[in-house]
PDB file of N, CA and C in Angstrom:
ATOM      1  N   MET A   1       2.773  24.257  -2.716  1.00  0.00           N
ATOM      2  CA  MET A   1       1.384  24.595  -2.987  1.00  0.00           C
ATOM      3  C   MET A   1       0.742  25.123  -1.706  1.00  0.00           C
ATOM      4  N   ASP A   2       0.114  26.254  -1.810  1.00  0.00           N
ATOM      5  CA  ASP A   2      -0.526  26.788  -0.614  1.00  0.00           C
ATOM      6  C   ASP A   2      -1.921  26.203  -0.426  1.00  0.00           C
ATOM      7  N   ALA A   3      -2.479  26.446   0.733  1.00  0.00           N
ATOM      8  CA  ALA A   3      -3.773  25.841   1.093  1.00  0.00           C
ATOM      9  C   ALA A   3      -4.892  26.289   0.158  1.00  0.00           C
ATOM     10  N   GLY A   4      -4.849  27.528  -0.310  1.00  0.00           N
ATOM     11  CA  GLY A   4      -5.886  28.026  -1.209  1.00  0.00           C
ATOM     12  C   GLY A   4      -5.940  27.255  -2.522  1.00  0.00           C
ATOM     13  N   LYS A   5      -4.764  26.945  -3.074  1.00  0.00           N
ATOM     14  CA  LYS A   5      -4.714  26.185  -4.332  1.00  0.00           C
ATOM     15  C   LYS A   5      -5.172  24.747  -4.132  1.00  0.00           C
ATOM     16  N   ILE A   6      -4.796  24.171  -2.995  1.00  0.00           N
ATOM     17  CA  ILE A   6      -5.230  22.804  -2.699  1.00  0.00           C
ATOM     18  C   ILE A   6      -6.745  22.757  -2.538  1.00  0.00           C
ATOM     19  N   LEU A   7      -7.290  23.738  -1.831  1.00  0.00           N
ATOM     20  CA  LEU A   7      -8.734  23.791  -1.634  1.00  0.00           C
ATOM     21  C   LEU A   7      -9.459  23.994  -2.959  1.00  0.00           C
ATOM     22  N   LEU A   8      -8.916  24.853  -3.823  1.00  0.00           N
ATOM     23  CA  LEU A   8      -9.521  25.059  -5.135  1.00  0.00           C
ATOM     24  C   LEU A   8      -9.523  23.764  -5.944  1.00  0.00           C
ATOM     25  N   ALA A   9      -8.416  23.040  -5.915  1.00  0.00           N
ATOM     26  CA  ALA A   9      -8.347  21.758  -6.630  1.00  0.00           C
ATOM     27  C   ALA A   9      -9.369  20.773  -6.065  1.00  0.00           C
ATOM     28  N   HIS A  10      -9.527  20.753  -4.751  1.00  0.00           N
ATOM     29  CA  HIS A  10     -10.513  19.864  -4.127  1.00  0.00           C
ATOM     30  C   HIS A  10     -11.929  20.255  -4.540  1.00  0.00           C
ATOM     31  N   ASN A  11     -12.223  21.558  -4.553  1.00  0.00           N
ATOM     32  CA  ASN A  11     -13.551  22.023  -4.941  1.00  0.00           C
ATOM     33  C   ASN A  11     -13.872  21.651  -6.383  1.00  0.00           C
ATOM     34  N   VAL A  12     -12.904  21.834  -7.272  1.00  0.00           N
ATOM     35  CA  VAL A  12     -13.109  21.494  -8.690  1.00  0.00           C
ATOM     36  C   VAL A  12     -13.334  19.998  -8.842  1.00  0.00           C
ATOM     37  N   THR A  13     -12.549  19.202  -8.128  1.00  0.00           N
ATOM     38  CA  THR A  13     -12.701  17.746  -8.192  1.00  0.00           C
ATOM     39  C   THR A  13     -14.058  17.305  -7.648  1.00  0.00           C
ATOM     40  N   ALA A  14     -14.481  17.897  -6.538  1.00  0.00           N
ATOM     41  CA  ALA A  14     -15.783  17.548  -5.962  1.00  0.00           C
ATOM     42  C   ALA A  14     -16.926  17.941  -6.898  1.00  0.00           C
ATOM     43  N   ALA A  15     -16.810  19.095  -7.548  1.00  0.00           N
ATOM     44  CA  ALA A  15     -17.844  19.517  -8.505  1.00  0.00           C
ATOM     45  C   ALA A  15     -17.890  18.575  -9.703  1.00  0.00           C
ATOM     46  N   ALA A  16     -16.726  18.155 -10.177  1.00  0.00           N
ATOM     47  CA  ALA A  16     -16.684  17.209 -11.302  1.00  0.00           C
ATOM     48  C   ALA A  16     -17.283  15.865 -10.898  1.00  0.00           C
ATOM     49  N   ALA A  17     -16.980  15.411  -9.691  1.00  0.00           N
ATOM     50  CA  ALA A  17     -17.545  14.142  -9.212  1.00  0.00           C
ATOM     51  C   ALA A  17     -19.060  14.233  -9.101  1.00  0.00           C
ATOM     52  N   LEU A  18     -19.563  15.365  -8.614  1.00  0.00           N
ATOM     53  CA  LEU A  18     -21.012  15.550  -8.517  1.00  0.00           C
ATOM     54  C   LEU A  18     -21.657  15.511  -9.902  1.00  0.00           C
ATOM     55  N   ALA A  19     -21.016  16.148 -10.881  1.00  0.00           N
ATOM     56  CA  ALA A  19     -21.545  16.127 -12.248  1.00  0.00           C
ATOM     57  C   ALA A  19     -21.575  14.707 -12.805  1.00  0.00           C
ATOM     58  N   VAL A  20     -20.531  13.935 -12.557  1.00  0.00           N
ATOM     59  CA  VAL A  20     -20.487  12.546 -13.028  1.00  0.00           C
ATOM     60  C   VAL A  20     -21.580  11.722 -12.367  1.00  0.00           C
ATOM     61  N   VAL A  21     -21.788  11.905 -11.068  1.00  0.00           N
ATOM     62  CA  VAL A  21     -22.826  11.155 -10.355  1.00  0.00           C
ATOM     63  C   VAL A  21     -24.210  11.537 -10.870  1.00  0.00           C
ATOM     64  N   LEU A  22     -24.438  12.831 -11.108  1.00  0.00           N
ATOM     65  CA  LEU A  22     -25.742  13.266 -11.629  1.00  0.00           C
ATOM     66  C   LEU A  22     -26.020  12.675 -13.000  1.00  0.00           C
ATOM     67  N   VAL A  23     -25.050  12.748 -13.894  1.00  0.00           N
ATOM     68  CA  VAL A  23     -25.239  12.197 -15.244  1.00  0.00           C
ATOM     69  C   VAL A  23     -25.391  10.684 -15.188  1.00  0.00           C
ATOM     70  N   GLY A  24     -24.595  10.045 -14.346  1.00  0.00           N
ATOM     71  CA  GLY A  24     -24.706   8.594 -14.197  1.00  0.00           C
ATOM     72  C   GLY A  24     -26.061   8.168 -13.653  1.00  0.00           C
ATOM     73  N   SER A  25     -26.600   8.964 -12.723  1.00  0.00           N
ATOM     74  CA  SER A  25     -27.909   8.647 -12.161  1.00  0.00           C
ATOM     75  C   SER A  25     -29.018   8.778 -13.202  1.00  0.00           C
ATOM     76  N   LEU A  26     -28.847   9.706 -14.132  1.00  0.00           N
ATOM     77  CA  LEU A  26     -29.840   9.852 -15.197  1.00  0.00           C
ATOM     78  C   LEU A  26     -29.828   8.653 -16.136  1.00  0.00           C
ATOM     79  N   SER A  27     -28.655   8.066 -16.353  1.00  0.00           N
ATOM     80  CA  SER A  27     -28.567   6.980 -17.317  1.00  0.00           C
ATOM     81  C   SER A  27     -28.778   5.596 -16.698  1.00  0.00           C
ATOM     82  N   ILE A  28     -28.282   5.374 -15.471  1.00  0.00           N
ATOM     83  CA  ILE A  28     -28.396   4.032 -14.895  1.00  0.00           C
ATOM     84  C   ILE A  28     -29.283   3.968 -13.667  1.00  0.00           C
ATOM     85  N   GLY A  29     -29.797   5.086 -13.239  1.00  0.00           N
ATOM     86  CA  GLY A  29     -30.653   5.102 -12.054  1.00  0.00           C
ATOM     87  C   GLY A  29     -29.878   5.483 -10.806  1.00  0.00           C
ATOM     88  N   ILE A  30     -30.612   5.738  -9.760  1.00  0.00           N
ATOM     89  CA  ILE A  30     -30.006   6.179  -8.502  1.00  0.00           C
ATOM     90  C   ILE A  30     -29.529   4.971  -7.711  1.00  0.00           C
ATOM     91  N   ILE A  31     -28.259   4.987  -7.334  1.00  0.00           N
ATOM     92  CA  ILE A  31     -27.668   3.945  -6.499  1.00  0.00           C
ATOM     93  C   ILE A  31     -27.398   4.592  -5.143  1.00  0.00           C
ATOM     94  N   TRP A  32     -28.005   4.071  -4.102  1.00  0.00           N
ATOM     95  CA  TRP A  32     -27.985   4.748  -2.805  1.00  0.00           C
ATOM     96  C   TRP A  32     -26.590   4.945  -2.253  1.00  0.00           C
ATOM     97  N   TRP A  33     -25.697   3.942  -2.411  1.00  0.00           N
ATOM     98  CA  TRP A  33     -24.378   4.071  -1.811  1.00  0.00           C
ATOM     99  C   TRP A  33     -23.514   5.082  -2.540  1.00  0.00           C
ATOM    100  N   VAL A  34     -23.766   5.284  -3.843  1.00  0.00           N
ATOM    101  CA  VAL A  34     -23.032   6.314  -4.576  1.00  0.00           C
ATOM    102  C   VAL A  34     -23.444   7.694  -4.060  1.00  0.00           C
ATOM    103  N   TRP A  35     -24.750   7.870  -3.858  1.00  0.00           N
ATOM    104  CA  TRP A  35     -25.226   9.157  -3.337  1.00  0.00           C
ATOM    105  C   TRP A  35     -24.798   9.365  -1.894  1.00  0.00           C
ATOM    106  N   ALA A  36     -24.683   8.303  -1.102  1.00  0.00           N
ATOM    107  CA  ALA A  36     -24.189   8.432   0.264  1.00  0.00           C
ATOM    108  C   ALA A  36     -22.729   8.889   0.259  1.00  0.00           C
ATOM    109  N   ALA A  37     -21.928   8.306  -0.616  1.00  0.00           N
ATOM    110  CA  ALA A  37     -20.524   8.716  -0.734  1.00  0.00           C
ATOM    111  C   ALA A  37     -20.426  10.161  -1.215  1.00  0.00           C
ATOM    112  N   MET A  38     -21.266  10.540  -2.162  1.00  0.00           N
ATOM    113  CA  MET A  38     -21.250  11.918  -2.670  1.00  0.00           C
ATOM    114  C   MET A  38     -21.657  12.887  -1.571  1.00  0.00           C
ATOM    115  N   GLY A  39     -22.622  12.511  -0.750  1.00  0.00           N
ATOM    116  CA  GLY A  39     -23.019  13.355   0.373  1.00  0.00           C
ATOM    117  C   GLY A  39     -21.860  13.564   1.341  1.00  0.00           C
ATOM    118  N   LEU A  40     -21.090  12.510   1.594  1.00  0.00           N
ATOM    119  CA  LEU A  40     -19.930  12.623   2.469  1.00  0.00           C
ATOM    120  C   LEU A  40     -18.890  13.569   1.869  1.00  0.00           C
ATOM    121  N   ILE A  41     -18.660  13.454   0.574  1.00  0.00           N
ATOM    122  CA  ILE A  41     -17.709  14.342  -0.102  1.00  0.00           C
ATOM    123  C   ILE A  41     -18.172  15.790  -0.008  1.00  0.00           C
ATOM    124  N   ILE A  42     -19.464  16.028  -0.183  1.00  0.00           N
ATOM    125  CA  ILE A  42     -19.996  17.397  -0.099  1.00  0.00           C
ATOM    126  C   ILE A  42     -19.831  17.955   1.313  1.00  0.00           C
ATOM    127  N   VAL A  43     -20.110  17.137   2.326  1.00  0.00           N
ATOM    128  CA  VAL A  43     -19.959  17.587   3.708  1.00  0.00           C
ATOM    129  C   VAL A  43     -18.492  17.930   4.008  1.00  0.00           C
ATOM    130  N   VAL A  44     -17.579  17.091   3.566  1.00  0.00           N
ATOM    131  CA  VAL A  44     -16.153  17.357   3.771  1.00  0.00           C
ATOM    132  C   VAL A  44     -15.741  18.632   3.049  1.00  0.00           C
ATOM    133  N   THR A  45     -16.225  18.818   1.821  1.00  0.00           N
ATOM    134  CA  THR A  45     -15.888  20.014   1.052  1.00  0.00           C
ATOM    135  C   THR A  45     -16.381  21.275   1.747  1.00  0.00           C
ATOM    136  N   ILE A  46     -17.597  21.254   2.223  1.00  0.00           N
ATOM    137  CA  ILE A  46     -18.143  22.418   2.939  1.00  0.00           C
ATOM    138  C   ILE A  46     -17.324  22.679   4.209  1.00  0.00           C
ATOM    139  N   GLY A  47     -16.997  21.629   4.935  1.00  0.00           N
ATOM    140  CA  GLY A  47     -16.192  21.785   6.140  1.00  0.00           C
ATOM    141  C   GLY A  47     -14.815  22.359   5.859  1.00  0.00           C
ATOM    142  N   LEU A  48     -14.170  21.899   4.805  1.00  0.00           N
ATOM    143  CA  LEU A  48     -12.860  22.429   4.440  1.00  0.00           C
ATOM    144  C   LEU A  48     -12.942  23.895   4.050  1.00  0.00           C
ATOM    145  N   ASN A  49     -13.981  24.252   3.315  1.00  0.00           N
ATOM    146  CA  ASN A  49     -14.144  25.655   2.916  1.00  0.00           C
ATOM    147  C   ASN A  49     -14.386  26.555   4.122  1.00  0.00           C
ATOM    148  N   ILE A  50     -15.184  26.097   5.072  1.00  0.00           N
ATOM    149  CA  ILE A  50     -15.437  26.885   6.279  1.00  0.00           C
ATOM    150  C   ILE A  50     -14.159  27.028   7.100  1.00  0.00           C
ATOM    151  N   ALA A  51     -13.432  25.928   7.264  1.00  0.00           N
ATOM    152  CA  ALA A  51     -12.196  25.972   8.041  1.00  0.00           C
ATOM    153  C   ALA A  51     -11.180  26.897   7.381  1.00  0.00           C
ATOM    154  N   TYR A  52     -11.084  26.850   6.056  1.00  0.00           N
ATOM    155  CA  TYR A  52     -10.130  27.704   5.357  1.00  0.00           C
ATOM    156  C   TYR A  52     -10.512  29.180   5.487  1.00  0.00           C
ATOM    157  N   SER A  53     -11.816  29.469   5.367  1.00  0.00           N
ATOM    158  CA  SER A  53     -12.241  30.866   5.434  1.00  0.00           C
ATOM    159  C   SER A  53     -12.059  31.431   6.839  1.00  0.00           C
ATOM    160  N   ARG A  54     -12.190  30.622   7.864  1.00  0.00           N
ATOM    161  CA  ARG A  54     -11.986  31.094   9.238  1.00  0.00           C
ATOM    162  C   ARG A  54     -10.497  31.251   9.561  1.00  0.00           C
ATOM    163  N   GLY A  55      -9.671  30.479   8.885  1.00  0.00           N
ATOM    164  CA  GLY A  55      -8.236  30.527   9.158  1.00  0.00           C
ATOM    165  C   GLY A  55      -7.503  31.624   8.428  1.00  0.00           C
ATOM    166  N   ARG A  56      -8.158  32.293   7.522  1.00  0.00           N
ATOM    167  CA  ARG A  56      -7.499  33.356   6.739  1.00  0.00           C
ATOM    168  C   ARG A  56      -7.339  34.605   7.497  1.00  0.00           C
TER     169      ARG A  56
END
Protein backbone atom coordinates (compact mmCIF):
# COMPACT_ATOMS: atom_id res chain seq x y z
CA MET A 1 0.00 0.00 0.00
CA ASP A 2 1.43 3.34 -0.93
CA ALA A 3 1.35 6.43 1.26
CA GLY A 4 -1.44 8.07 -0.76
CA LYS A 5 -3.84 5.17 -0.13
CA ILE A 6 -2.96 5.06 3.55
CA LEU A 7 -3.54 8.80 3.86
CA LEU A 8 -6.87 8.51 2.04
CA ALA A 9 -7.97 5.75 4.41
CA HIS A 10 -6.94 7.91 7.38
CA ASN A 11 -8.84 10.92 6.01
CA VAL A 12 -12.00 8.85 5.46
CA THR A 13 -11.74 7.38 8.96
CA ALA A 14 -11.21 10.80 10.53
CA ALA A 15 -14.21 12.22 8.64
CA ALA A 16 -16.37 9.30 9.78
CA ALA A 17 -15.22 9.78 13.39
CA LEU A 18 -16.06 13.48 13.20
CA ALA A 19 -19.54 12.64 11.89
CA VAL A 20 -20.09 10.16 14.74
CA VAL A 21 -18.94 12.72 17.33
CA LEU A 22 -21.20 15.42 15.86
CA VAL A 23 -24.27 13.17 15.82
CA GLY A 24 -23.45 11.86 19.28
CA SER A 25 -23.12 15.39 20.62
CA LEU A 26 -26.57 16.24 19.28
CA SER A 27 -28.14 13.29 21.08
CA ILE A 28 -26.21 13.07 24.37
CA GLY A 29 -24.63 16.50 24.69
CA ILE A 30 -21.10 17.76 24.38
CA ILE A 31 -18.47 15.79 26.31
CA TRP A 32 -15.28 17.82 26.56
CA TRP A 33 -12.81 14.94 26.44
CA VAL A 34 -14.41 13.49 23.31
CA TRP A 35 -14.05 16.85 21.57
CA ALA A 36 -10.46 17.16 22.85
CA ALA A 37 -9.63 13.76 21.33
CA MET A 38 -11.36 14.74 18.08
CA GLY A 39 -9.35 17.96 17.97
CA LEU A 40 -6.15 15.93 18.32
CA ILE A 41 -7.23 13.64 15.48
CA ILE A 42 -7.98 16.66 13.27
CA VAL A 43 -4.59 18.22 14.02
CA VAL A 44 -2.80 14.95 13.20
CA THR A 45 -4.82 14.58 9.99
CA ILE A 46 -3.96 18.09 8.84
CA GLY A 47 -0.30 17.50 9.68
CA LEU A 48 -0.21 14.24 7.75
CA ASN A 49 -1.83 15.86 4.73
CA ILE A 50 0.67 18.73 4.76
CA ALA A 51 3.62 16.38 5.16
CA TYR A 52 2.37 14.17 2.32
CA SER A 53 1.78 17.11 -0.02
CA ARG A 54 5.28 18.50 0.63
CA GLY A 55 6.87 15.10 0.11
CA ARG A 56 5.35 14.51 -3.32
